[in-house]
Amino acid sequence: MTVKNYRELIIWQKAMDLVELIYQVTKNFPKEELYGLTSQIRRAAVSIPSNIAEGQARQSTSEFRNFLSIAQGSRAEVETQLMIAQRLDYLPQQKAEQILNLSEEIKRMIYSLTSKL
């Protein structure tokens, strides 16, 4: 698999879309969550495309796999935090489903890319 730049990876592009959605929905979280759930979910979301990019930029396939594994962990963290936000009624069901569907797509893409490396 020859990729000159991480920005060419559809998985990275989808992860960036996820970050954008997370920032949009967390704008509406209660102000008292700014340093709690809002900050935590944003950091986890940003970690996904960041680790994909860093892994792709590394010199070895094993390093790339490791960074994809870290991205997968951050993705699971985002899902968990979304479910918490939903349980606390910070997030409408429809928006949560949209984000969770994108997260699931990214999950499959990470597994697929990892197996191809």
PDB file of N, CA and C in Angstrom:
ATOM      1  N   MET A   1       0.846  -1.177   0.000  1.00  0.00           N
ATOM      2  CA  MET A   1       0.000   0.000   0.000  1.00  0.00           C
ATOM      3  C   MET A   1       0.890   1.238   0.000  1.00  0.00           C
ATOM      4  N   THR A   2       0.757   2.057  -1.026  1.00  0.00           N
ATOM      5  CA  THR A   2       1.589   3.242  -1.138  1.00  0.00           C
ATOM      6  C   THR A   2       0.736   4.488  -0.919  1.00  0.00           C
ATOM      7  N   VAL A   3       1.032   5.181   0.135  1.00  0.00           N
ATOM      8  CA  VAL A   3       0.363   6.436   0.459  1.00  0.00           C
ATOM      9  C   VAL A   3       1.460   7.449   0.728  1.00  0.00           C
ATOM     10  N   LYS A   4       1.428   8.535   0.002  1.00  0.00           N
ATOM     11  CA  LYS A   4       2.467   9.548   0.170  1.00  0.00           C
ATOM     12  C   LYS A   4       2.191  10.459   1.364  1.00  0.00           C
ATOM     13  N   ASN A   5       0.923  10.623   1.687  1.00  0.00           N
ATOM     14  CA  ASN A   5       0.543  11.558   2.734  1.00  0.00           C
ATOM     15  C   ASN A   5      -0.689  11.030   3.452  1.00  0.00           C
ATOM     16  N   TYR A   6      -0.718  11.155   4.760  1.00  0.00           N
ATOM     17  CA  TYR A   6      -1.857  10.678   5.548  1.00  0.00           C
ATOM     18  C   TYR A   6      -3.172  11.319   5.114  1.00  0.00           C
ATOM     19  N   ARG A   7      -3.117  12.528   4.552  1.00  0.00           N
ATOM     20  CA  ARG A   7      -4.344  13.208   4.122  1.00  0.00           C
ATOM     21  C   ARG A   7      -5.032  12.496   2.967  1.00  0.00           C
ATOM     22  N   GLU A   8      -4.301  11.599   2.307  1.00  0.00           N
ATOM     23  CA  GLU A   8      -4.886  10.796   1.238  1.00  0.00           C
ATOM     24  C   GLU A   8      -5.725   9.645   1.788  1.00  0.00           C
ATOM     25  N   LEU A   9      -5.529   9.307   3.043  1.00  0.00           N
ATOM     26  CA  LEU A   9      -6.246   8.180   3.643  1.00  0.00           C
ATOM     27  C   LEU A   9      -7.698   8.551   3.939  1.00  0.00           C
ATOM     28  N   ILE A  10      -8.617   7.797   3.392  1.00  0.00           N
ATOM     29  CA  ILE A  10     -10.043   8.042   3.645  1.00  0.00           C
ATOM     30  C   ILE A  10     -10.353   7.872   5.125  1.00  0.00           C
ATOM     31  N   ILE A  11      -9.671   6.943   5.762  1.00  0.00           N
ATOM     32  CA  ILE A  11      -9.879   6.737   7.192  1.00  0.00           C
ATOM     33  C   ILE A  11      -9.532   7.995   7.990  1.00  0.00           C
ATOM     34  N   TRP A  12      -8.468   8.674   7.603  1.00  0.00           N
ATOM     35  CA  TRP A  12      -8.085   9.923   8.271  1.00  0.00           C
ATOM     36  C   TRP A  12      -9.145  10.994   8.015  1.00  0.00           C
ATOM     37  N   GLN A  13      -9.635  11.068   6.784  1.00  0.00           N
ATOM     38  CA  GLN A  13     -10.663  12.047   6.433  1.00  0.00           C
ATOM     39  C   GLN A  13     -11.951  11.815   7.229  1.00  0.00           C
ATOM     40  N   LYS A  14     -12.336  10.548   7.365  1.00  0.00           N
ATOM     41  CA  LYS A  14     -13.539  10.214   8.151  1.00  0.00           C
ATOM     42  C   LYS A  14     -13.323  10.555   9.622  1.00  0.00           C
ATOM     43  N   ALA A  15     -12.131  10.305  10.122  1.00  0.00           N
ATOM     44  CA  ALA A  15     -11.827  10.631  11.516  1.00  0.00           C
ATOM     45  C   ALA A  15     -11.889  12.140  11.742  1.00  0.00           C
ATOM     46  N   MET A  16     -11.458  12.904  10.746  1.00  0.00           N
ATOM     47  CA  MET A  16     -11.570  14.361  10.838  1.00  0.00           C
ATOM     48  C   MET A  16     -13.040  14.796  10.851  1.00  0.00           C
ATOM     49  N   ASP A  17     -13.871  14.123  10.064  1.00  0.00           N
ATOM     50  CA  ASP A  17     -15.313  14.396  10.080  1.00  0.00           C
ATOM     51  C   ASP A  17     -15.891  14.125  11.470  1.00  0.00           C
ATOM     52  N   LEU A  18     -15.423  13.041  12.097  1.00  0.00           N
ATOM     53  CA  LEU A  18     -15.886  12.704  13.439  1.00  0.00           C
ATOM     54  C   LEU A  18     -15.514  13.804  14.432  1.00  0.00           C
ATOM     55  N   VAL A  19     -14.302  14.310  14.344  1.00  0.00           N
ATOM     56  CA  VAL A  19     -13.862  15.397  15.234  1.00  0.00           C
ATOM     57  C   VAL A  19     -14.788  16.610  15.065  1.00  0.00           C
ATOM     58  N   GLU A  20     -15.069  16.943  13.827  1.00  0.00           N
ATOM     59  CA  GLU A  20     -15.943  18.085  13.555  1.00  0.00           C
ATOM     60  C   GLU A  20     -17.319  17.897  14.186  1.00  0.00           C
ATOM     61  N   LEU A  21     -17.893  16.710  14.021  1.00  0.00           N
ATOM     62  CA  LEU A  21     -19.207  16.427  14.629  1.00  0.00           C
ATOM     63  C   LEU A  21     -19.158  16.512  16.150  1.00  0.00           C
ATOM     64  N   ILE A  22     -18.088  15.973  16.734  1.00  0.00           N
ATOM     65  CA  ILE A  22     -17.954  16.009  18.193  1.00  0.00           C
ATOM     66  C   ILE A  22     -17.894  17.454  18.690  1.00  0.00           C
ATOM     67  N   TYR A  23     -17.123  18.281  18.015  1.00  0.00           N
ATOM     68  CA  TYR A  23     -17.038  19.688  18.428  1.00  0.00           C
ATOM     69  C   TYR A  23     -18.393  20.386  18.280  1.00  0.00           C
ATOM     70  N   GLN A  24     -19.125  20.066  17.234  1.00  0.00           N
ATOM     71  CA  GLN A  24     -20.447  20.675  17.034  1.00  0.00           C
ATOM     72  C   GLN A  24     -21.402  20.306  18.162  1.00  0.00           C
ATOM     73  N   VAL A  25     -21.480  19.024  18.506  1.00  0.00           N
ATOM     74  CA  VAL A  25     -22.446  18.612  19.517  1.00  0.00           C
ATOM     75  C   VAL A  25     -22.033  19.024  20.920  1.00  0.00           C
ATOM     76  N   THR A  26     -20.736  19.061  21.186  1.00  0.00           N
ATOM     77  CA  THR A  26     -20.314  19.407  22.540  1.00  0.00           C
ATOM     78  C   THR A  26     -20.460  20.902  22.836  1.00  0.00           C
ATOM     79  N   LYS A  27     -20.654  21.707  21.810  1.00  0.00           N
ATOM     80  CA  LYS A  27     -20.937  23.136  22.044  1.00  0.00           C
ATOM     81  C   LYS A  27     -22.193  23.309  22.885  1.00  0.00           C
ATOM     82  N   ASN A  28     -23.096  22.331  22.782  1.00  0.00           N
ATOM     83  CA  ASN A  28     -24.374  22.415  23.485  1.00  0.00           C
ATOM     84  C   ASN A  28     -24.381  21.701  24.834  1.00  0.00           C
ATOM     85  N   PHE A  29     -23.251  21.112  25.223  1.00  0.00           N
ATOM     86  CA  PHE A  29     -23.181  20.477  26.530  1.00  0.00           C
ATOM     87  C   PHE A  29     -23.237  21.559  27.609  1.00  0.00           C
ATOM     88  N   PRO A  30     -23.697  21.212  28.804  1.00  0.00           N
ATOM     89  CA  PRO A  30     -23.743  22.204  29.895  1.00  0.00           C
ATOM     90  C   PRO A  30     -22.367  22.787  30.193  1.00  0.00           C
ATOM     91  N   LYS A  31     -22.360  24.037  30.571  1.00  0.00           N
ATOM     92  CA  LYS A  31     -21.096  24.734  30.858  1.00  0.00           C
ATOM     93  C   LYS A  31     -20.303  24.055  31.970  1.00  0.00           C
ATOM     94  N   GLU A  32     -21.006  23.424  32.927  1.00  0.00           N
ATOM     95  CA  GLU A  32     -20.280  22.761  34.011  1.00  0.00           C
ATOM     96  C   GLU A  32     -19.515  21.522  33.530  1.00  0.00           C
ATOM     97  N   GLU A  33     -19.768  21.087  32.303  1.00  0.00           N
ATOM     98  CA  GLU A  33     -19.041  19.951  31.726  1.00  0.00           C
ATOM     99  C   GLU A  33     -17.826  20.383  30.904  1.00  0.00           C
ATOM    100  N   LEU A  34     -17.577  21.678  30.811  1.00  0.00           N
ATOM    101  CA  LEU A  34     -16.489  22.174  29.970  1.00  0.00           C
ATOM    102  C   LEU A  34     -15.157  21.500  30.289  1.00  0.00           C
ATOM    103  N   TYR A  35     -14.843  21.341  31.565  1.00  0.00           N
ATOM    104  CA  TYR A  35     -13.574  20.730  31.957  1.00  0.00           C
ATOM    105  C   TYR A  35     -13.733  19.259  32.305  1.00  0.00           C
ATOM    106  N   GLY A  36     -14.910  18.736  32.064  1.00  0.00           N
ATOM    107  CA  GLY A  36     -15.179  17.327  32.322  1.00  0.00           C
ATOM    108  C   GLY A  36     -15.414  16.595  31.019  1.00  0.00           C
ATOM    109  N   LEU A  37     -16.644  16.204  30.800  1.00  0.00           N
ATOM    110  CA  LEU A  37     -16.995  15.386  29.644  1.00  0.00           C
ATOM    111  C   LEU A  37     -16.689  16.067  28.312  1.00  0.00           C
ATOM    112  N   THR A  38     -16.950  17.351  28.208  1.00  0.00           N
ATOM    113  CA  THR A  38     -16.686  18.068  26.952  1.00  0.00           C
ATOM    114  C   THR A  38     -15.215  17.984  26.580  1.00  0.00           C
ATOM    115  N   SER A  39     -14.353  18.305  27.510  1.00  0.00           N
ATOM    116  CA  SER A  39     -12.916  18.265  27.254  1.00  0.00           C
ATOM    117  C   SER A  39     -12.448  16.849  26.948  1.00  0.00           C
ATOM    118  N   GLN A  40     -12.934  15.888  27.704  1.00  0.00           N
ATOM    119  CA  GLN A  40     -12.507  14.500  27.555  1.00  0.00           C
ATOM    120  C   GLN A  40     -12.881  13.938  26.185  1.00  0.00           C
ATOM    121  N   ILE A  41     -14.106  14.157  25.754  1.00  0.00           N
ATOM    122  CA  ILE A  41     -14.551  13.596  24.482  1.00  0.00           C
ATOM    123  C   ILE A  41     -13.867  14.291  23.300  1.00  0.00           C
ATOM    124  N   ARG A  42     -13.619  15.578  23.441  1.00  0.00           N
ATOM    125  CA  ARG A  42     -12.915  16.293  22.368  1.00  0.00           C
ATOM    126  C   ARG A  42     -11.478  15.790  22.224  1.00  0.00           C
ATOM    127  N   ARG A  43     -10.795  15.604  23.348  1.00  0.00           N
ATOM    128  CA  ARG A  43      -9.416  15.103  23.284  1.00  0.00           C
ATOM    129  C   ARG A  43      -9.361  13.707  22.689  1.00  0.00           C
ATOM    130  N   ALA A  44     -10.295  12.853  23.082  1.00  0.00           N
ATOM    131  CA  ALA A  44     -10.317  11.490  22.541  1.00  0.00           C
ATOM    132  C   ALA A  44     -10.591  11.511  21.039  1.00  0.00           C
ATOM    133  N   ALA A  45     -11.504  12.366  20.608  1.00  0.00           N
ATOM    134  CA  ALA A  45     -11.830  12.460  19.179  1.00  0.00           C
ATOM    135  C   ALA A  45     -10.628  12.959  18.381  1.00  0.00           C
ATOM    136  N   VAL A  46      -9.962  13.984  18.874  1.00  0.00           N
ATOM    137  CA  VAL A  46      -8.792  14.539  18.191  1.00  0.00           C
ATOM    138  C   VAL A  46      -7.669  13.505  18.111  1.00  0.00           C
ATOM    139  N   SER A  47      -7.598  12.640  19.094  1.00  0.00           N
ATOM    140  CA  SER A  47      -6.571  11.606  19.126  1.00  0.00           C
ATOM    141  C   SER A  47      -6.690  10.622  17.963  1.00  0.00           C
ATOM    142  N   ILE A  48      -7.881  10.402  17.453  1.00  0.00           N
ATOM    143  CA  ILE A  48      -8.076   9.404  16.396  1.00  0.00           C
ATOM    144  C   ILE A  48      -7.338   9.799  15.111  1.00  0.00           C
ATOM    145  N   PRO A  49      -7.671  10.931  14.469  1.00  0.00           N
ATOM    146  CA  PRO A  49      -6.933  11.270  13.249  1.00  0.00           C
ATOM    147  C   PRO A  49      -5.466  11.595  13.527  1.00  0.00           C
ATOM    148  N   SER A  50      -5.170  12.102  14.714  1.00  0.00           N
ATOM    149  CA  SER A  50      -3.782  12.423  15.057  1.00  0.00           C
ATOM    150  C   SER A  50      -2.916  11.172  15.069  1.00  0.00           C
ATOM    151  N   ASN A  51      -3.425  10.097  15.651  1.00  0.00           N
ATOM    152  CA  ASN A  51      -2.656   8.854  15.698  1.00  0.00           C
ATOM    153  C   ASN A  51      -2.573   8.181  14.334  1.00  0.00           C
ATOM    154  N   ILE A  52      -3.611   8.300  13.536  1.00  0.00           N
ATOM    155  CA  ILE A  52      -3.552   7.776  12.170  1.00  0.00           C
ATOM    156  C   ILE A  52      -2.461   8.510  11.394  1.00  0.00           C
ATOM    157  N   ALA A  53      -2.439   9.823  11.511  1.00  0.00           N
ATOM    158  CA  ALA A  53      -1.433  10.627  10.810  1.00  0.00           C
ATOM    159  C   ALA A  53      -0.030  10.304  11.304  1.00  0.00           C
ATOM    160  N   GLU A  54       0.148  10.253  12.604  1.00  0.00           N
ATOM    161  CA  GLU A  54       1.478   9.990  13.143  1.00  0.00           C
ATOM    162  C   GLU A  54       1.961   8.599  12.750  1.00  0.00           C
ATOM    163  N   GLY A  55       1.068   7.627  12.803  1.00  0.00           N
ATOM    164  CA  GLY A  55       1.446   6.272  12.425  1.00  0.00           C
ATOM    165  C   GLY A  55       1.844   6.155  10.969  1.00  0.00           C
ATOM    166  N   GLN A  56       1.090   6.825  10.097  1.00  0.00           N
ATOM    167  CA  GLN A  56       1.403   6.772   8.667  1.00  0.00           C
ATOM    168  C   GLN A  56       2.754   7.433   8.380  1.00  0.00           C
ATOM    169  N   ALA A  57       3.103   8.419   9.168  1.00  0.00           N
ATOM    170  CA  ALA A  57       4.356   9.147   8.963  1.00  0.00           C
ATOM    171  C   ALA A  57       5.576   8.396   9.498  1.00  0.00           C
ATOM    172  N   ARG A  58       5.347   7.348  10.265  1.00  0.00           N
ATOM    173  CA  ARG A  58       6.457   6.570  10.824  1.00  0.00           C
ATOM    174  C   ARG A  58       7.132   5.729   9.749  1.00  0.00           C
ATOM    175  N   GLN A  59       8.294   5.234  10.090  1.00  0.00           N
ATOM    176  CA  GLN A  59       9.121   4.521   9.119  1.00  0.00           C
ATOM    177  C   GLN A  59       8.789   3.040   8.982  1.00  0.00           C
ATOM    178  N   SER A  60       8.063   2.484   9.940  1.00  0.00           N
ATOM    179  CA  SER A  60       7.823   1.045   9.874  1.00  0.00           C
ATOM    180  C   SER A  60       6.342   0.700   9.947  1.00  0.00           C
ATOM    181  N   THR A  61       6.021  -0.431   9.357  1.00  0.00           N
ATOM    182  CA  THR A  61       4.650  -0.930   9.371  1.00  0.00           C
ATOM    183  C   THR A  61       4.209  -1.261  10.789  1.00  0.00           C
ATOM    184  N   SER A  62       5.103  -1.824  11.585  1.00  0.00           N
ATOM    185  CA  SER A  62       4.727  -2.183  12.957  1.00  0.00           C
ATOM    186  C   SER A  62       4.384  -0.938  13.781  1.00  0.00           C
ATOM    187  N   GLU A  63       5.100   0.153  13.537  1.00  0.00           N
ATOM    188  CA  GLU A  63       4.764   1.403  14.238  1.00  0.00           C
ATOM    189  C   GLU A  63       3.399   1.910  13.792  1.00  0.00           C
ATOM    190  N   PHE A  64       3.127   1.832  12.485  1.00  0.00           N
ATOM    191  CA  PHE A  64       1.835   2.270  11.973  1.00  0.00           C
ATOM    192  C   PHE A  64       0.720   1.446  12.620  1.00  0.00           C
ATOM    193  N   ARG A  65       0.905   0.133  12.698  1.00  0.00           N
ATOM    194  CA  ARG A  65      -0.099  -0.730  13.339  1.00  0.00           C
ATOM    195  C   ARG A  65      -0.326  -0.309  14.787  1.00  0.00           C
ATOM    196  N   ASN A  66       0.748  -0.002  15.488  1.00  0.00           N
ATOM    197  CA  ASN A  66       0.634   0.412  16.885  1.00  0.00           C
ATOM    198  C   ASN A  66      -0.196   1.693  17.011  1.00  0.00           C
ATOM    199  N   PHE A  67       0.061   2.660  16.142  1.00  0.00           N
ATOM    200  CA  PHE A  67      -0.691   3.909  16.207  1.00  0.00           C
ATOM    201  C   PHE A  67      -2.159   3.701  15.808  1.00  0.00           C
ATOM    202  N   LEU A  68      -2.409   2.770  14.898  1.00  0.00           N
ATOM    203  CA  LEU A  68      -3.794   2.442  14.549  1.00  0.00           C
ATOM    204  C   LEU A  68      -4.511   1.814  15.744  1.00  0.00           C
ATOM    205  N   SER A  69      -3.783   1.021  16.497  1.00  0.00           N
ATOM    206  CA  SER A  69      -4.346   0.427  17.707  1.00  0.00           C
ATOM    207  C   SER A  69      -4.705   1.508  18.730  1.00  0.00           C
ATOM    208  N   ILE A  70      -3.845   2.476  18.868  1.00  0.00           N
ATOM    209  CA  ILE A  70      -4.121   3.595  19.784  1.00  0.00           C
ATOM    210  C   ILE A  70      -5.344   4.380  19.296  1.00  0.00           C
ATOM    211  N   ALA A  71      -5.424   4.615  17.982  1.00  0.00           N
ATOM    212  CA  ALA A  71      -6.582   5.313  17.410  1.00  0.00           C
ATOM    213  C   ALA A  71      -7.864   4.534  17.693  1.00  0.00           C
ATOM    214  N   GLN A  72      -7.781   3.207  17.603  1.00  0.00           N
ATOM    215  CA  GLN A  72      -8.955   2.367  17.871  1.00  0.00           C
ATOM    216  C   GLN A  72      -9.394   2.507  19.329  1.00  0.00           C
ATOM    217  N   GLY A  73      -8.435   2.571  20.231  1.00  0.00           N
ATOM    218  CA  GLY A  73      -8.761   2.775  21.641  1.00  0.00           C
ATOM    219  C   GLY A  73      -9.431   4.117  21.880  1.00  0.00           C
ATOM    220  N   SER A  74      -8.925   5.149  21.250  1.00  0.00           N
ATOM    221  CA  SER A  74      -9.528   6.480  21.385  1.00  0.00           C
ATOM    222  C   SER A  74     -10.933   6.502  20.804  1.00  0.00           C
ATOM    223  N   ARG A  75     -11.130   5.767  19.716  1.00  0.00           N
ATOM    224  CA  ARG A  75     -12.454   5.694  19.096  1.00  0.00           C
ATOM    225  C   ARG A  75     -13.455   5.038  20.053  1.00  0.00           C
ATOM    226  N   ALA A  76     -13.035   3.978  20.719  1.00  0.00           N
ATOM    227  CA  ALA A  76     -13.899   3.319  21.701  1.00  0.00           C
ATOM    228  C   ALA A  76     -14.200   4.254  22.874  1.00  0.00           C
ATOM    229  N   GLU A  77     -13.212   5.044  23.252  1.00  0.00           N
ATOM    230  CA  GLU A  77     -13.395   6.033  24.322  1.00  0.00           C
ATOM    231  C   GLU A  77     -14.456   7.058  23.910  1.00  0.00           C
ATOM    232  N   VAL A  78     -14.395   7.534  22.676  1.00  0.00           N
ATOM    233  CA  VAL A  78     -15.389   8.497  22.173  1.00  0.00           C
ATOM    234  C   VAL A  78     -16.785   7.877  22.228  1.00  0.00           C
ATOM    235  N   GLU A  79     -16.910   6.635  21.794  1.00  0.00           N
ATOM    236  CA  GLU A  79     -18.220   5.968  21.822  1.00  0.00           C
ATOM    237  C   GLU A  79     -18.772   5.907  23.239  1.00  0.00           C
ATOM    238  N   THR A  80     -17.926   5.523  24.180  1.00  0.00           N
ATOM    239  CA  THR A  80     -18.359   5.426  25.578  1.00  0.00           C
ATOM    240  C   THR A  80     -18.803   6.783  26.108  1.00  0.00           C
ATOM    241  N   GLN A  81     -18.039   7.811  25.803  1.00  0.00           N
ATOM    242  CA  GLN A  81     -18.379   9.152  26.278  1.00  0.00           C
ATOM    243  C   GLN A  81     -19.648   9.673  25.617  1.00  0.00           C
ATOM    244  N   LEU A  82     -19.861   9.305  24.366  1.00  0.00           N
ATOM    245  CA  LEU A  82     -21.117   9.675  23.699  1.00  0.00           C
ATOM    246  C   LEU A  82     -22.312   9.028  24.386  1.00  0.00           C
ATOM    247  N   MET A  83     -22.157   7.765  24.744  1.00  0.00           N
ATOM    248  CA  MET A  83     -23.251   7.070  25.433  1.00  0.00           C
ATOM    249  C   MET A  83     -23.515   7.683  26.802  1.00  0.00           C
ATOM    250  N   ILE A  84     -22.460   8.121  27.470  1.00  0.00           N
ATOM    251  CA  ILE A  84     -22.633   8.819  28.749  1.00  0.00           C
ATOM    252  C   ILE A  84     -23.408  10.118  28.523  1.00  0.00           C
ATOM    253  N   ALA A  85     -23.000  10.882  27.519  1.00  0.00           N
ATOM    254  CA  ALA A  85     -23.686  12.142  27.205  1.00  0.00           C
ATOM    255  C   ALA A  85     -25.146  11.891  26.873  1.00  0.00           C
ATOM    256  N   GLN A  86     -25.417  10.833  26.170  1.00  0.00           N
ATOM    257  CA  GLN A  86     -26.794  10.501  25.819  1.00  0.00           C
ATOM    258  C   GLN A  86     -27.596  10.139  27.070  1.00  0.00           C
ATOM    259  N   ARG A  87     -27.010   9.353  27.964  1.00  0.00           N
ATOM    260  CA  ARG A  87     -27.699   8.977  29.209  1.00  0.00           C
ATOM    261  C   ARG A  87     -28.000  10.197  30.080  1.00  0.00           C
ATOM    262  N   LEU A  88     -27.128  11.204  29.986  1.00  0.00           N
ATOM    263  CA  LEU A  88     -27.323  12.423  30.774  1.00  0.00           C
ATOM    264  C   LEU A  88     -28.202  13.446  30.056  1.00  0.00           C
ATOM    265  N   ASP A  89     -28.748  13.045  28.921  1.00  0.00           N
ATOM    266  CA  ASP A  89     -29.616  13.905  28.099  1.00  0.00           C
ATOM    267  C   ASP A  89     -28.916  15.154  27.586  1.00  0.00           C
ATOM    268  N   TYR A  90     -27.622  15.044  27.302  1.00  0.00           N
ATOM    269  CA  TYR A  90     -26.872  16.143  26.704  1.00  0.00           C
ATOM    270  C   TYR A  90     -26.916  16.078  25.188  1.00  0.00           C
ATOM    271  N   LEU A  91     -27.357  14.957  24.657  1.00  0.00           N
ATOM    272  CA  LEU A  91     -27.237  14.696  23.235  1.00  0.00           C
ATOM    273  C   LEU A  91     -28.512  14.046  22.706  1.00  0.00           C
ATOM    274  N   PRO A  92     -29.121  14.615  21.653  1.00  0.00           N
ATOM    275  CA  PRO A  92     -30.315  14.001  21.069  1.00  0.00           C
ATOM    276  C   PRO A  92     -30.002  12.632  20.465  1.00  0.00           C
ATOM    277  N   GLN A  93     -30.947  11.721  20.536  1.00  0.00           N
ATOM    278  CA  GLN A  93     -30.793  10.349  20.040  1.00  0.00           C
ATOM    279  C   GLN A  93     -30.332  10.319  18.586  1.00  0.00           C
ATOM    280  N   GLN A  94     -30.938  11.122  17.742  1.00  0.00           N
ATOM    281  CA  GLN A  94     -30.609  11.110  16.313  1.00  0.00           C
ATOM    282  C   GLN A  94     -29.149  11.504  16.070  1.00  0.00           C
ATOM    283  N   LYS A  95     -28.687  12.522  16.755  1.00  0.00           N
ATOM    284  CA  LYS A  95     -27.303  12.979  16.593  1.00  0.00           C
ATOM    285  C   LYS A  95     -26.339  11.925  17.137  1.00  0.00           C
ATOM    286  N   ALA A  96     -26.685  11.322  18.258  1.00  0.00           N
ATOM    287  CA  ALA A  96     -25.843  10.269  18.824  1.00  0.00           C
ATOM    288  C   ALA A  96     -25.715   9.104  17.847  1.00  0.00           C
ATOM    289  N   GLU A  97     -26.807   8.710  17.241  1.00  0.00           N
ATOM    290  CA  GLU A  97     -26.777   7.606  16.281  1.00  0.00           C
ATOM    291  C   GLU A  97     -25.915   7.953  15.069  1.00  0.00           C
ATOM    292  N   GLN A  98     -26.013   9.174  14.582  1.00  0.00           N
ATOM    293  CA  GLN A  98     -25.200   9.608  13.449  1.00  0.00           C
ATOM    294  C   GLN A  98     -23.711   9.485  13.772  1.00  0.00           C
ATOM    295  N   ILE A  99     -23.326   9.952  14.946  1.00  0.00           N
ATOM    296  CA  ILE A  99     -21.922   9.920  15.339  1.00  0.00           C
ATOM    297  C   ILE A  99     -21.468   8.485  15.599  1.00  0.00           C
ATOM    298  N   LEU A 100     -22.311   7.696  16.254  1.00  0.00           N
ATOM    299  CA  LEU A 100     -21.953   6.309  16.525  1.00  0.00           C
ATOM    300  C   LEU A 100     -21.825   5.505  15.237  1.00  0.00           C
ATOM    301  N   ASN A 101     -22.649   5.787  14.251  1.00  0.00           N
ATOM    302  CA  ASN A 101     -22.535   5.116  12.952  1.00  0.00           C
ATOM    303  C   ASN A 101     -21.214   5.450  12.272  1.00  0.00           C
ATOM    304  N   LEU A 102     -20.816   6.710  12.317  1.00  0.00           N
ATOM    305  CA  LEU A 102     -19.531   7.107  11.745  1.00  0.00           C
ATOM    306  C   LEU A 102     -18.390   6.439  12.509  1.00  0.00           C
ATOM    307  N   SER A 103     -18.501   6.379  13.819  1.00  0.00           N
ATOM    308  CA  SER A 103     -17.483   5.723  14.633  1.00  0.00           C
ATOM    309  C   SER A 103     -17.362   4.242  14.271  1.00  0.00           C
ATOM    310  N   GLU A 104     -18.485   3.608  14.054  1.00  0.00           N
ATOM    311  CA  GLU A 104     -18.482   2.185  13.669  1.00  0.00           C
ATOM    312  C   GLU A 104     -17.817   1.989  12.308  1.00  0.00           C
ATOM    313  N   GLU A 105     -18.069   2.911  11.397  1.00  0.00           N
ATOM    314  CA  GLU A 105     -17.422   2.853  10.083  1.00  0.00           C
ATOM    315  C   GLU A 105     -15.904   2.993  10.217  1.00  0.00           C
ATOM    316  N   ILE A 106     -15.478   3.925  11.063  1.00  0.00           N
ATOM    317  CA  ILE A 106     -14.050   4.120  11.307  1.00  0.00           C
ATOM    318  C   ILE A 106     -13.446   2.869  11.944  1.00  0.00           C
ATOM    319  N   LYS A 107     -14.167   2.255  12.855  1.00  0.00           N
ATOM    320  CA  LYS A 107     -13.714   1.017  13.490  1.00  0.00           C
ATOM    321  C   LYS A 107     -13.414  -0.046  12.438  1.00  0.00           C
ATOM    322  N   ARG A 108     -14.349  -0.257  11.531  1.00  0.00           N
ATOM    323  CA  ARG A 108     -14.155  -1.256  10.475  1.00  0.00           C
ATOM    324  C   ARG A 108     -12.969  -0.897   9.583  1.00  0.00           C
ATOM    325  N   MET A 109     -12.831   0.384   9.286  1.00  0.00           N
ATOM    326  CA  MET A 109     -11.730   0.828   8.431  1.00  0.00           C
ATOM    327  C   MET A 109     -10.370   0.620   9.113  1.00  0.00           C
ATOM    328  N   ILE A 110     -10.310   0.867  10.404  1.00  0.00           N
ATOM    329  CA  ILE A 110      -9.055   0.646  11.133  1.00  0.00           C
ATOM    330  C   ILE A 110      -8.691  -0.834  11.101  1.00  0.00           C
ATOM    331  N   TYR A 111      -9.670  -1.698  11.370  1.00  0.00           N
ATOM    332  CA  TYR A 111      -9.389  -3.129  11.319  1.00  0.00           C
ATOM    333  C   TYR A 111      -8.942  -3.558   9.935  1.00  0.00           C
ATOM    334  N   SER A 112      -9.593  -3.046   8.916  1.00  0.00           N
ATOM    335  CA  SER A 112      -9.255  -3.400   7.547  1.00  0.00           C
ATOM    336  C   SER A 112      -7.842  -2.925   7.192  1.00  0.00           C
ATOM    337  N   LEU A 113      -7.545  -1.688   7.511  1.00  0.00           N
ATOM    338  CA  LEU A 113      -6.215  -1.150   7.204  1.00  0.00           C
ATOM    339  C   LEU A 113      -5.138  -1.921   7.957  1.00  0.00           C
ATOM    340  N   THR A 114      -5.387  -2.221   9.211  1.00  0.00           N
ATOM    341  CA  THR A 114      -4.412  -2.966  10.008  1.00  0.00           C
ATOM    342  C   THR A 114      -4.131  -4.333   9.382  1.00  0.00           C
ATOM    343  N   SER A 115      -5.172  -4.989   8.923  1.00  0.00           N
ATOM    344  CA  SER A 115      -4.974  -6.328   8.344  1.00  0.00           C
ATOM    345  C   SER A 115      -4.264  -6.278   6.989  1.00  0.00           C
ATOM    346  N   LYS A 116      -4.349  -5.146   6.301  1.00  0.00           N
ATOM    347  CA  LYS A 116      -3.694  -4.999   4.993  1.00  0.00           C
ATOM    348  C   LYS A 116      -2.219  -4.624   5.122  1.00  0.00           C
ATOM    349  N   LEU A 117      -1.836  -4.147   6.286  1.00  0.00           N
ATOM    350  CA  LEU A 117      -0.440  -3.719   6.474  1.00  0.00           C
ATOM    351  C   LEU A 117       0.469  -4.912   6.690  1.00  0.00           C
TER     352      LEU A 117
END
